[in-house]
Amino acid sequence: MKPPRHIPLLLGLLALFTLMRWPGLLPWNFSPVYAICFCAGVYFRGWRAWMVPVAFMFVSDVLMNYFHWRGLGFSTFTSHMWVTYALYLGLAAFGWWMTDKARPTALIAGGALGACGFFLVANSFAWLSNPVYAKTWAGLVQSFTVGQVGFPPPIVFLKNTIASGALFTATIVFAVNVARANEKADAEFRLKA
């Protein structure tokens, strides 16, 4: 039995969106990562819901590390990466919990909410692990408002995080719904023929 038509489309979109992670293509924190992980949880079942987004992210991290960051003297594989990958799995779990039976508007809101949650946890971890921030209430507030010198303020990151979570999730949800509707129409046409 052939897999449903929306699965190859979904994999293609996830691959395209993964390529869009390349540094400089999109504004800071305007990333398809949140939607990739969330929608993998929504539309894939079993181990695929967890492994597909992690595999896409890992391969792209290896490529970006080798072809981009290495030349600048940086590495994407630092001690905090386990938190990032745990958050990817958390987004997939949130999508899995919502399932693909939810209305498109609920899924889009879920994508934006998942992205916001990712930002909050990642920024809290940055406050805990970055020596630039004092480990006080004022340091936590600084990490969420003005941020670190030399970088845009975190409020810009939050705005881009939520907007990209909603936009890329909406794109995936729309594409999958159109593909499913076409599949259903084709099946009905074959039954009538």
N, C-alpha and C. Protein backbone atom coordinates (compact mmCIF):
# COMPACT_ATOMS: atom_id res chain seq x y z
N MET A 1 0.84 -1.19 0.00
CA MET A 1 0.00 0.00 0.00
C MET A 1 0.88 1.25 0.00
N LYS A 2 0.53 2.19 -0.88
CA LYS A 2 1.30 3.43 -0.96
C LYS A 2 1.00 4.29 0.27
N PRO A 3 2.02 5.05 0.73
CA PRO A 3 1.76 5.97 1.83
C PRO A 3 0.86 7.10 1.35
N PRO A 4 0.09 7.69 2.25
CA PRO A 4 -0.74 8.82 1.84
C PRO A 4 0.11 9.90 1.18
N ARG A 5 -0.50 10.60 0.22
CA ARG A 5 0.22 11.61 -0.55
C ARG A 5 0.76 12.75 0.29
N HIS A 6 0.12 13.00 1.41
CA HIS A 6 0.58 14.14 2.20
C HIS A 6 1.91 13.86 2.92
N ILE A 7 2.30 12.61 3.07
CA ILE A 7 3.55 12.29 3.77
C ILE A 7 4.77 12.74 2.95
N PRO A 8 4.88 12.40 1.65
CA PRO A 8 6.02 12.92 0.88
C PRO A 8 6.02 14.46 0.81
N LEU A 9 4.84 15.05 0.69
CA LEU A 9 4.74 16.51 0.67
C LEU A 9 5.24 17.08 1.99
N LEU A 10 4.81 16.47 3.09
CA LEU A 10 5.24 16.93 4.41
C LEU A 10 6.75 16.80 4.56
N LEU A 11 7.31 15.68 4.15
CA LEU A 11 8.76 15.49 4.23
C LEU A 11 9.49 16.52 3.36
N GLY A 12 8.95 16.81 2.18
CA GLY A 12 9.56 17.82 1.32
C GLY A 12 9.54 19.20 1.95
N LEU A 13 8.41 19.57 2.55
CA LEU A 13 8.33 20.87 3.23
C LEU A 13 9.30 20.93 4.40
N LEU A 14 9.36 19.85 5.17
CA LEU A 14 10.27 19.83 6.31
C LEU A 14 11.72 19.97 5.85
N ALA A 15 12.07 19.30 4.74
CA ALA A 15 13.43 19.41 4.21
C ALA A 15 13.70 20.84 3.72
N LEU A 16 12.75 21.43 3.00
CA LEU A 16 12.92 22.80 2.52
C LEU A 16 13.07 23.76 3.69
N PHE A 17 12.21 23.62 4.68
CA PHE A 17 12.28 24.51 5.84
C PHE A 17 13.58 24.31 6.62
N THR A 18 14.08 23.08 6.64
CA THR A 18 15.36 22.83 7.31
C THR A 18 16.48 23.57 6.59
N LEU A 19 16.45 23.59 5.27
CA LEU A 19 17.46 24.34 4.51
C LEU A 19 17.39 25.84 4.81
N MET A 20 16.21 26.31 5.15
CA MET A 20 16.03 27.74 5.45
C MET A 20 16.67 28.14 6.78
N ARG A 21 17.16 27.16 7.54
CA ARG A 21 17.86 27.48 8.80
C ARG A 21 19.24 28.06 8.55
N TRP A 22 19.73 28.00 7.32
CA TRP A 22 21.09 28.45 7.05
C TRP A 22 21.25 29.88 7.54
N PRO A 23 22.32 30.17 8.28
CA PRO A 23 22.51 31.51 8.85
C PRO A 23 22.46 32.61 7.79
N GLY A 24 21.71 33.66 8.11
CA GLY A 24 21.62 34.82 7.23
C GLY A 24 20.45 34.80 6.27
N LEU A 25 19.78 33.65 6.10
CA LEU A 25 18.65 33.59 5.18
C LEU A 25 17.41 34.25 5.75
N LEU A 26 17.22 34.12 7.04
CA LEU A 26 16.05 34.67 7.70
C LEU A 26 16.51 35.56 8.86
N PRO A 27 15.65 36.47 9.33
CA PRO A 27 16.02 37.30 10.48
C PRO A 27 16.27 36.44 11.73
N TRP A 28 16.95 37.02 12.71
CA TRP A 28 17.23 36.33 13.97
C TRP A 28 15.95 35.70 14.54
N ASN A 29 16.02 34.45 14.89
CA ASN A 29 14.94 33.68 15.52
C ASN A 29 13.67 33.58 14.69
N PHE A 30 13.71 33.99 13.44
CA PHE A 30 12.58 33.74 12.55
C PHE A 30 12.89 32.41 11.89
N SER A 31 12.47 31.36 12.56
CA SER A 31 12.96 30.03 12.20
C SER A 31 11.83 29.04 11.96
N PRO A 32 12.00 28.17 10.97
CA PRO A 32 11.02 27.12 10.73
C PRO A 32 11.16 25.94 11.69
N VAL A 33 12.19 25.96 12.53
CA VAL A 33 12.46 24.83 13.42
C VAL A 33 11.26 24.50 14.29
N TYR A 34 10.61 25.51 14.85
CA TYR A 34 9.49 25.28 15.75
C TYR A 34 8.37 24.54 15.03
N ALA A 35 8.05 24.97 13.82
CA ALA A 35 6.99 24.32 13.05
C ALA A 35 7.40 22.92 12.61
N ILE A 36 8.66 22.74 12.24
CA ILE A 36 9.14 21.41 11.83
C ILE A 36 8.91 20.41 12.95
N CYS A 37 9.35 20.76 14.14
CA CYS A 37 9.23 19.84 15.27
C CYS A 37 7.77 19.64 15.68
N PHE A 38 7.03 20.74 15.77
CA PHE A 38 5.62 20.66 16.17
C PHE A 38 4.81 19.84 15.17
N CYS A 39 4.95 20.13 13.88
CA CYS A 39 4.16 19.44 12.86
C CYS A 39 4.58 17.98 12.68
N ALA A 40 5.85 17.67 12.93
CA ALA A 40 6.25 16.26 12.90
C ALA A 40 5.49 15.50 13.97
N GLY A 41 5.33 16.10 15.14
CA GLY A 41 4.54 15.47 16.20
C GLY A 41 3.07 15.35 15.84
N VAL A 42 2.56 16.34 15.12
CA VAL A 42 1.14 16.32 14.73
C VAL A 42 0.88 15.24 13.68
N TYR A 43 1.70 15.18 12.64
CA TYR A 43 1.37 14.37 11.47
C TYR A 43 2.05 13.01 11.39
N PHE A 44 3.12 12.79 12.10
CA PHE A 44 3.76 11.48 12.08
C PHE A 44 3.34 10.69 13.31
N ARG A 45 3.35 9.40 13.20
CA ARG A 45 3.00 8.52 14.32
C ARG A 45 4.21 7.70 14.73
N GLY A 46 4.17 7.22 15.95
CA GLY A 46 5.22 6.34 16.45
C GLY A 46 6.57 7.05 16.52
N TRP A 47 7.62 6.29 16.27
CA TRP A 47 8.98 6.81 16.39
C TRP A 47 9.27 7.93 15.40
N ARG A 48 8.54 7.97 14.29
CA ARG A 48 8.78 9.02 13.29
C ARG A 48 8.48 10.42 13.84
N ALA A 49 7.50 10.50 14.73
CA ALA A 49 7.15 11.80 15.31
C ALA A 49 8.32 12.40 16.08
N TRP A 50 9.19 11.56 16.59
CA TRP A 50 10.33 12.01 17.39
C TRP A 50 11.61 12.07 16.57
N MET A 51 11.80 11.07 15.73
CA MET A 51 13.07 10.95 15.02
C MET A 51 13.18 11.86 13.79
N VAL A 52 12.08 12.09 13.10
CA VAL A 52 12.14 12.93 11.89
C VAL A 52 12.65 14.33 12.21
N PRO A 53 12.06 15.04 13.19
CA PRO A 53 12.58 16.39 13.43
C PRO A 53 14.01 16.40 13.97
N VAL A 54 14.33 15.45 14.84
CA VAL A 54 15.69 15.40 15.39
C VAL A 54 16.70 15.09 14.29
N ALA A 55 16.36 14.18 13.39
CA ALA A 55 17.26 13.85 12.28
C ALA A 55 17.48 15.06 11.37
N PHE A 56 16.40 15.75 11.01
CA PHE A 56 16.52 16.95 10.18
C PHE A 56 17.40 18.00 10.86
N MET A 57 17.15 18.24 12.15
CA MET A 57 17.92 19.25 12.86
C MET A 57 19.38 18.85 13.01
N PHE A 58 19.62 17.58 13.33
CA PHE A 58 21.00 17.12 13.53
C PHE A 58 21.81 17.23 12.24
N VAL A 59 21.23 16.77 11.14
CA VAL A 59 21.95 16.84 9.85
C VAL A 59 22.23 18.30 9.49
N SER A 60 21.24 19.17 9.67
CA SER A 60 21.48 20.58 9.33
C SER A 60 22.49 21.22 10.28
N ASP A 61 22.48 20.83 11.55
CA ASP A 61 23.47 21.36 12.49
C ASP A 61 24.88 20.93 12.10
N VAL A 62 25.03 19.66 11.69
CA VAL A 62 26.35 19.17 11.26
C VAL A 62 26.82 19.96 10.04
N LEU A 63 25.93 20.13 9.05
CA LEU A 63 26.31 20.86 7.84
C LEU A 63 26.63 22.33 8.12
N MET A 64 25.79 22.98 8.94
CA MET A 64 26.06 24.39 9.27
C MET A 64 27.36 24.52 10.06
N ASN A 65 27.59 23.57 10.95
CA ASN A 65 28.81 23.61 11.74
C ASN A 65 30.04 23.49 10.84
N TYR A 66 29.98 22.58 9.88
CA TYR A 66 31.13 22.33 9.02
C TYR A 66 31.34 23.45 8.00
N PHE A 67 30.26 23.86 7.33
CA PHE A 67 30.41 24.80 6.22
C PHE A 67 30.29 26.27 6.61
N HIS A 68 29.73 26.58 7.76
CA HIS A 68 29.55 27.99 8.12
C HIS A 68 30.28 28.35 9.42
N TRP A 69 29.87 27.76 10.52
CA TRP A 69 30.37 28.19 11.83
C TRP A 69 31.85 27.86 12.03
N ARG A 70 32.32 26.77 11.49
CA ARG A 70 33.72 26.37 11.67
C ARG A 70 34.66 27.44 11.13
N GLY A 71 34.31 28.00 9.98
CA GLY A 71 35.14 29.05 9.39
C GLY A 71 35.18 30.32 10.21
N LEU A 72 34.17 30.52 11.06
CA LEU A 72 34.13 31.71 11.92
C LEU A 72 34.71 31.43 13.30
N GLY A 73 35.18 30.19 13.49
CA GLY A 73 35.76 29.83 14.78
C GLY A 73 34.75 29.43 15.83
N PHE A 74 33.52 29.12 15.40
CA PHE A 74 32.46 28.71 16.33
C PHE A 74 32.09 27.26 16.09
N SER A 75 31.32 26.73 17.01
CA SER A 75 30.75 25.39 16.84
C SER A 75 29.32 25.41 17.35
N THR A 76 28.43 24.76 16.61
CA THR A 76 27.06 24.64 17.09
C THR A 76 26.94 23.57 18.16
N PHE A 77 27.93 22.72 18.24
CA PHE A 77 27.88 21.61 19.21
C PHE A 77 28.58 22.00 20.49
N THR A 78 27.85 22.72 21.33
CA THR A 78 28.36 23.12 22.63
C THR A 78 27.61 22.35 23.70
N SER A 79 27.98 22.59 24.93
CA SER A 79 27.39 21.82 26.03
C SER A 79 25.89 22.07 26.20
N HIS A 80 25.38 23.17 25.68
CA HIS A 80 23.95 23.46 25.84
C HIS A 80 23.07 22.82 24.76
N MET A 81 23.67 22.14 23.79
CA MET A 81 22.88 21.57 22.70
C MET A 81 21.89 20.51 23.18
N TRP A 82 22.20 19.83 24.27
CA TRP A 82 21.26 18.82 24.77
C TRP A 82 19.94 19.50 25.16
N VAL A 83 20.00 20.74 25.65
CA VAL A 83 18.77 21.47 25.99
C VAL A 83 17.99 21.77 24.72
N THR A 84 18.68 22.21 23.69
CA THR A 84 18.02 22.52 22.42
C THR A 84 17.32 21.29 21.86
N TYR A 85 18.01 20.16 21.84
CA TYR A 85 17.40 18.95 21.30
C TYR A 85 16.27 18.44 22.19
N ALA A 86 16.38 18.61 23.49
CA ALA A 86 15.28 18.26 24.39
C ALA A 86 14.06 19.14 24.09
N LEU A 87 14.31 20.41 23.79
CA LEU A 87 13.20 21.30 23.43
C LEU A 87 12.59 20.92 22.09
N TYR A 88 13.40 20.47 21.14
CA TYR A 88 12.86 19.97 19.87
C TYR A 88 11.91 18.81 20.15
N LEU A 89 12.34 17.89 20.99
CA LEU A 89 11.48 16.74 21.33
C LEU A 89 10.23 17.20 22.08
N GLY A 90 10.37 18.23 22.91
CA GLY A 90 9.21 18.78 23.61
C GLY A 90 8.19 19.37 22.64
N LEU A 91 8.67 20.05 21.60
CA LEU A 91 7.76 20.57 20.58
C LEU A 91 7.05 19.44 19.84
N ALA A 92 7.80 18.38 19.52
CA ALA A 92 7.19 17.22 18.85
C ALA A 92 6.15 16.58 19.76
N ALA A 93 6.45 16.49 21.05
CA ALA A 93 5.49 15.91 22.01
C ALA A 93 4.23 16.76 22.10
N PHE A 94 4.40 18.08 22.08
CA PHE A 94 3.24 18.98 22.11
C PHE A 94 2.39 18.78 20.86
N GLY A 95 3.03 18.66 19.70
CA GLY A 95 2.29 18.39 18.46
C GLY A 95 1.61 17.04 18.51
N TRP A 96 2.30 16.03 19.02
CA TRP A 96 1.72 14.69 19.14
C TRP A 96 0.49 14.72 20.04
N TRP A 97 0.58 15.51 21.11
CA TRP A 97 -0.55 15.64 22.03
C TRP A 97 -1.74 16.31 21.35
N MET A 98 -1.49 17.28 20.49
CA MET A 98 -2.59 17.98 19.81
C MET A 98 -3.22 17.13 18.72
N THR A 99 -2.44 16.28 18.08
CA THR A 99 -2.83 15.40 16.97
C THR A 99 -3.34 16.18 15.76
N ASP A 100 -3.43 15.44 14.65
CA ASP A 100 -3.87 16.08 13.40
C ASP A 100 -5.39 16.18 13.30
N LYS A 101 -6.11 15.78 14.34
CA LYS A 101 -7.58 15.90 14.32
C LYS A 101 -8.03 17.30 14.74
N ALA A 102 -7.12 18.09 15.27
CA ALA A 102 -7.46 19.44 15.70
C ALA A 102 -7.75 20.32 14.49
N ARG A 103 -8.53 21.35 14.73
CA ARG A 103 -8.83 22.32 13.67
C ARG A 103 -7.55 23.03 13.25
N PRO A 104 -7.47 23.47 12.00
CA PRO A 104 -6.27 24.19 11.55
C PRO A 104 -5.92 25.39 12.42
N THR A 105 -6.93 26.15 12.85
CA THR A 105 -6.63 27.31 13.69
C THR A 105 -6.01 26.90 15.02
N ALA A 106 -6.47 25.78 15.58
CA ALA A 106 -5.89 25.29 16.83
C ALA A 106 -4.45 24.84 16.62
N LEU A 107 -4.18 24.21 15.47
CA LEU A 107 -2.81 23.78 15.18
C LEU A 107 -1.88 24.98 14.98
N ILE A 108 -2.36 26.00 14.29
CA ILE A 108 -1.54 27.20 14.07
C ILE A 108 -1.26 27.89 15.41
N ALA A 109 -2.30 28.00 16.24
CA ALA A 109 -2.09 28.57 17.58
C ALA A 109 -1.13 27.70 18.39
N GLY A 110 -1.25 26.39 18.24
CA GLY A 110 -0.34 25.47 18.93
C GLY A 110 1.10 25.65 18.46
N GLY A 111 1.29 25.87 17.17
CA GLY A 111 2.63 26.13 16.64
C GLY A 111 3.24 27.40 17.22
N ALA A 112 2.42 28.45 17.31
CA ALA A 112 2.89 29.71 17.90
C ALA A 112 3.16 29.55 19.39
N LEU A 113 2.26 28.85 20.09
CA LEU A 113 2.44 28.62 21.52
C LEU A 113 3.66 27.76 21.81
N GLY A 114 3.86 26.73 21.00
CA GLY A 114 5.05 25.88 21.16
C GLY A 114 6.33 26.67 20.94
N ALA A 115 6.33 27.55 19.94
CA ALA A 115 7.50 28.40 19.69
C ALA A 115 7.76 29.34 20.86
N CYS A 116 6.68 29.88 21.43
CA CYS A 116 6.81 30.76 22.58
C CYS A 116 7.38 29.99 23.78
N GLY A 117 6.89 28.78 24.00
CA GLY A 117 7.42 27.94 25.07
C GLY A 117 8.90 27.64 24.87
N PHE A 118 9.28 27.35 23.63
CA PHE A 118 10.69 27.11 23.29
C PHE A 118 11.52 28.32 23.68
N PHE A 119 11.05 29.51 23.31
CA PHE A 119 11.77 30.74 23.63
C PHE A 119 11.93 30.92 25.13
N LEU A 120 10.84 30.72 25.87
CA LEU A 120 10.89 30.94 27.32
C LEU A 120 11.86 29.99 28.01
N VAL A 121 11.82 28.72 27.65
CA VAL A 121 12.72 27.75 28.27
C VAL A 121 14.17 27.99 27.84
N ALA A 122 14.39 28.21 26.54
CA ALA A 122 15.75 28.44 26.05
C ALA A 122 16.35 29.71 26.65
N ASN A 123 15.55 30.76 26.77
CA ASN A 123 16.05 32.01 27.34
C ASN A 123 16.33 31.86 28.83
N SER A 124 15.49 31.10 29.53
CA SER A 124 15.75 30.83 30.95
C SER A 124 17.04 30.05 31.12
N PHE A 125 17.27 29.09 30.25
CA PHE A 125 18.52 28.32 30.32
C PHE A 125 19.72 29.22 30.00
N ALA A 126 19.55 30.14 29.05
CA ALA A 126 20.64 31.08 28.73
C ALA A 126 20.97 31.93 29.96
N TRP A 127 19.95 32.36 30.68
CA TRP A 127 20.17 33.13 31.90
C TRP A 127 20.95 32.30 32.92
N LEU A 128 20.56 31.05 33.08
CA LEU A 128 21.24 30.18 34.05
C LEU A 128 22.69 29.87 33.67
N SER A 129 22.94 29.70 32.39
CA SER A 129 24.26 29.21 31.96
C SER A 129 25.22 30.30 31.48
N ASN A 130 24.72 31.47 31.15
CA ASN A 130 25.57 32.52 30.60
C ASN A 130 26.10 33.40 31.74
N PRO A 131 27.42 33.48 31.89
CA PRO A 131 27.99 34.28 32.98
C PRO A 131 27.74 35.79 32.83
N VAL A 132 27.28 36.24 31.68
CA VAL A 132 26.97 37.66 31.48
C VAL A 132 25.82 38.09 32.38
N TYR A 133 24.89 37.18 32.66
CA TYR A 133 23.71 37.51 33.44
C TYR A 133 23.93 37.19 34.92
N ALA A 134 23.59 38.16 35.78
CA ALA A 134 23.61 37.91 37.22
C ALA A 134 22.52 36.90 37.55
N LYS A 135 22.78 36.02 38.47
CA LYS A 135 21.81 34.98 38.85
C LYS A 135 20.86 35.54 39.91
N THR A 136 20.22 36.64 39.54
CA THR A 136 19.26 37.32 40.40
C THR A 136 18.01 37.60 39.58
N TRP A 137 16.99 38.11 40.26
CA TRP A 137 15.77 38.50 39.55
C TRP A 137 16.09 39.54 38.47
N ALA A 138 16.96 40.49 38.80
CA ALA A 138 17.35 41.53 37.83
C ALA A 138 18.06 40.92 36.63
N GLY A 139 18.90 39.91 36.86
CA GLY A 139 19.59 39.23 35.77
C GLY A 139 18.61 38.49 34.87
N LEU A 140 17.61 37.86 35.48
CA LEU A 140 16.58 37.17 34.69
C LEU A 140 15.79 38.17 33.85
N VAL A 141 15.41 39.28 34.46
CA VAL A 141 14.68 40.32 33.73
C VAL A 141 15.54 40.85 32.58
N GLN A 142 16.84 41.05 32.83
CA GLN A 142 17.74 41.51 31.78
C GLN A 142 17.78 40.51 30.63
N SER A 143 17.81 39.22 30.95
CA SER A 143 17.90 38.20 29.90
C SER A 143 16.66 38.15 29.03
N PHE A 144 15.53 38.61 29.56
CA PHE A 144 14.29 38.60 28.78
C PHE A 144 13.94 39.96 28.17
N THR A 145 14.65 41.02 28.56
CA THR A 145 14.30 42.35 28.05
C THR A 145 15.41 42.93 27.18
N VAL A 146 16.50 43.37 27.78
CA VAL A 146 17.57 44.00 27.00
C VAL A 146 18.57 43.00 26.46
N GLY A 147 18.72 41.87 27.12
CA GLY A 147 19.61 40.82 26.64
C GLY A 147 21.08 41.14 26.80
N GLN A 148 21.87 40.53 25.96
CA GLN A 148 23.32 40.63 26.02
C GLN A 148 23.80 41.71 25.05
N VAL A 149 24.79 42.46 25.45
CA VAL A 149 25.36 43.52 24.61
C VAL A 149 25.86 42.90 23.30
N GLY A 150 25.55 43.56 22.20
CA GLY A 150 26.00 43.09 20.89
C GLY A 150 24.97 42.25 20.16
N PHE A 151 23.85 41.96 20.82
CA PHE A 151 22.79 41.18 20.19
C PHE A 151 21.49 41.97 20.25
N PRO A 152 20.57 41.69 19.32
CA PRO A 152 19.26 42.36 19.40
C PRO A 152 18.57 42.00 20.72
N PRO A 153 17.68 42.87 21.20
CA PRO A 153 16.98 42.57 22.45
C PRO A 153 16.10 41.33 22.29
N PRO A 154 15.96 40.55 23.36
CA PRO A 154 15.16 39.32 23.28
C PRO A 154 13.71 39.53 22.85
N ILE A 155 13.15 40.72 23.06
CA ILE A 155 11.77 40.96 22.63
C ILE A 155 11.66 40.82 21.12
N VAL A 156 12.72 41.18 20.39
CA VAL A 156 12.76 40.98 18.93
C VAL A 156 12.76 39.49 18.64
N PHE A 157 13.55 38.74 19.40
CA PHE A 157 13.58 37.28 19.24
C PHE A 157 12.20 36.69 19.50
N LEU A 158 11.54 37.15 20.57
CA LEU A 158 10.22 36.61 20.92
C LEU A 158 9.21 36.89 19.81
N LYS A 159 9.21 38.11 19.31
CA LYS A 159 8.29 38.48 18.21
C LYS A 159 8.53 37.58 17.00
N ASN A 160 9.79 37.43 16.61
CA ASN A 160 10.12 36.59 15.45
C ASN A 160 9.82 35.12 15.71
N THR A 161 10.04 34.67 16.94
CA THR A 161 9.77 33.28 17.30
C THR A 161 8.29 32.96 17.14
N ILE A 162 7.44 33.81 17.70
CA ILE A 162 5.99 33.57 17.62
C ILE A 162 5.50 33.69 16.18
N ALA A 163 5.94 34.73 15.48
CA ALA A 163 5.50 34.93 14.09
C ALA A 163 5.92 33.76 13.20
N SER A 164 7.17 33.31 13.34
CA SER A 164 7.62 32.20 12.49
C SER A 164 6.96 30.89 12.88
N GLY A 165 6.73 30.69 14.18
CA GLY A 165 6.02 29.48 14.60
C GLY A 165 4.64 29.40 13.96
N ALA A 166 3.92 30.53 13.97
CA ALA A 166 2.59 30.56 13.38
C ALA A 166 2.64 30.45 11.85
N LEU A 167 3.53 31.20 11.21
CA LEU A 167 3.60 31.23 9.75
C LEU A 167 3.99 29.87 9.17
N PHE A 168 5.07 29.28 9.66
CA PHE A 168 5.52 28.01 9.10
C PHE A 168 4.56 26.88 9.45
N THR A 169 3.95 26.93 10.64
CA THR A 169 2.95 25.92 10.98
C THR A 169 1.74 26.05 10.05
N ALA A 170 1.30 27.29 9.81
CA ALA A 170 0.16 27.51 8.91
C ALA A 170 0.46 26.98 7.52
N THR A 171 1.68 27.19 7.04
CA THR A 171 2.06 26.70 5.71
C THR A 171 1.98 25.18 5.64
N ILE A 172 2.50 24.51 6.65
CA ILE A 172 2.48 23.05 6.67
C ILE A 172 1.05 22.53 6.80
N VAL A 173 0.27 23.11 7.71
CA VAL A 173 -1.12 22.67 7.92
C VAL A 173 -1.92 22.86 6.64
N PHE A 174 -1.77 24.01 5.99
CA PHE A 174 -2.50 24.28 4.75
C PHE A 174 -2.11 23.26 3.68
N ALA A 175 -0.82 23.03 3.50
CA ALA A 175 -0.35 22.09 2.46
C ALA A 175 -0.86 20.68 2.72
N VAL A 176 -0.80 20.23 3.96
CA VAL A 176 -1.28 18.88 4.29
C VAL A 176 -2.79 18.78 4.08
N ASN A 177 -3.54 19.81 4.48
CA ASN A 177 -4.99 19.77 4.30
C ASN A 177 -5.37 19.76 2.82
N VAL A 178 -4.67 20.53 1.99
CA VAL A 178 -4.93 20.51 0.55
C VAL A 178 -4.60 19.14 -0.03
N ALA A 179 -3.47 18.57 0.35
CA ALA A 179 -3.08 17.24 -0.14
C ALA A 179 -4.10 16.18 0.28
N ARG A 180 -4.57 16.26 1.51
CA ARG A 180 -5.57 15.29 1.98
C ARG A 180 -6.89 15.46 1.24
N ALA A 181 -7.28 16.71 0.99
CA ALA A 181 -8.52 16.95 0.25
C ALA A 181 -8.40 16.41 -1.17
N ASN A 182 -7.26 16.59 -1.81
CA ASN A 182 -7.04 16.05 -3.15
C ASN A 182 -7.05 14.53 -3.14
N GLU A 183 -6.45 13.93 -2.13
CA GLU A 183 -6.47 12.47 -2.00
C GLU A 183 -7.90 11.95 -1.88
N LYS A 184 -8.67 12.63 -1.05
CA LYS A 184 -10.06 12.22 -0.83
C LYS A 184 -10.87 12.37 -2.12
N ALA A 185 -10.67 13.48 -2.83
CA ALA A 185 -11.39 13.70 -4.09
C ALA A 185 -11.00 12.65 -5.13
N ASP A 186 -9.72 12.31 -5.20
CA ASP A 186 -9.27 11.27 -6.13
C ASP A 186 -9.89 9.92 -5.80
N ALA A 187 -9.95 9.60 -4.51
CA ALA A 187 -10.53 8.32 -4.09
C ALA A 187 -12.02 8.27 -4.44
N GLU A 188 -12.73 9.37 -4.22
CA GLU A 188 -14.15 9.42 -4.56
C GLU A 188 -14.36 9.31 -6.07
N PHE A 189 -13.49 9.95 -6.84
CA PHE A 189 -13.57 9.89 -8.29
C PHE A 189 -13.37 8.45 -8.78
N ARG A 190 -12.39 7.75 -8.19
CA ARG A 190 -12.13 6.36 -8.59
C ARG A 190 -13.30 5.45 -8.23
N LEU A 191 -13.97 5.73 -7.11
CA LEU A 191 -15.12 4.92 -6.73
C LEU A 191 -16.28 5.11 -7.70
N LYS A 192 -16.45 6.33 -8.21
CA LYS A 192 -17.54 6.62 -9.14
C LYS A 192 -17.24 6.10 -10.53
N ALA A 193 -15.95 5.99 -10.87
CA ALA A 193 -15.57 5.58 -12.22
C ALA A 193 -15.73 4.10 -12.44
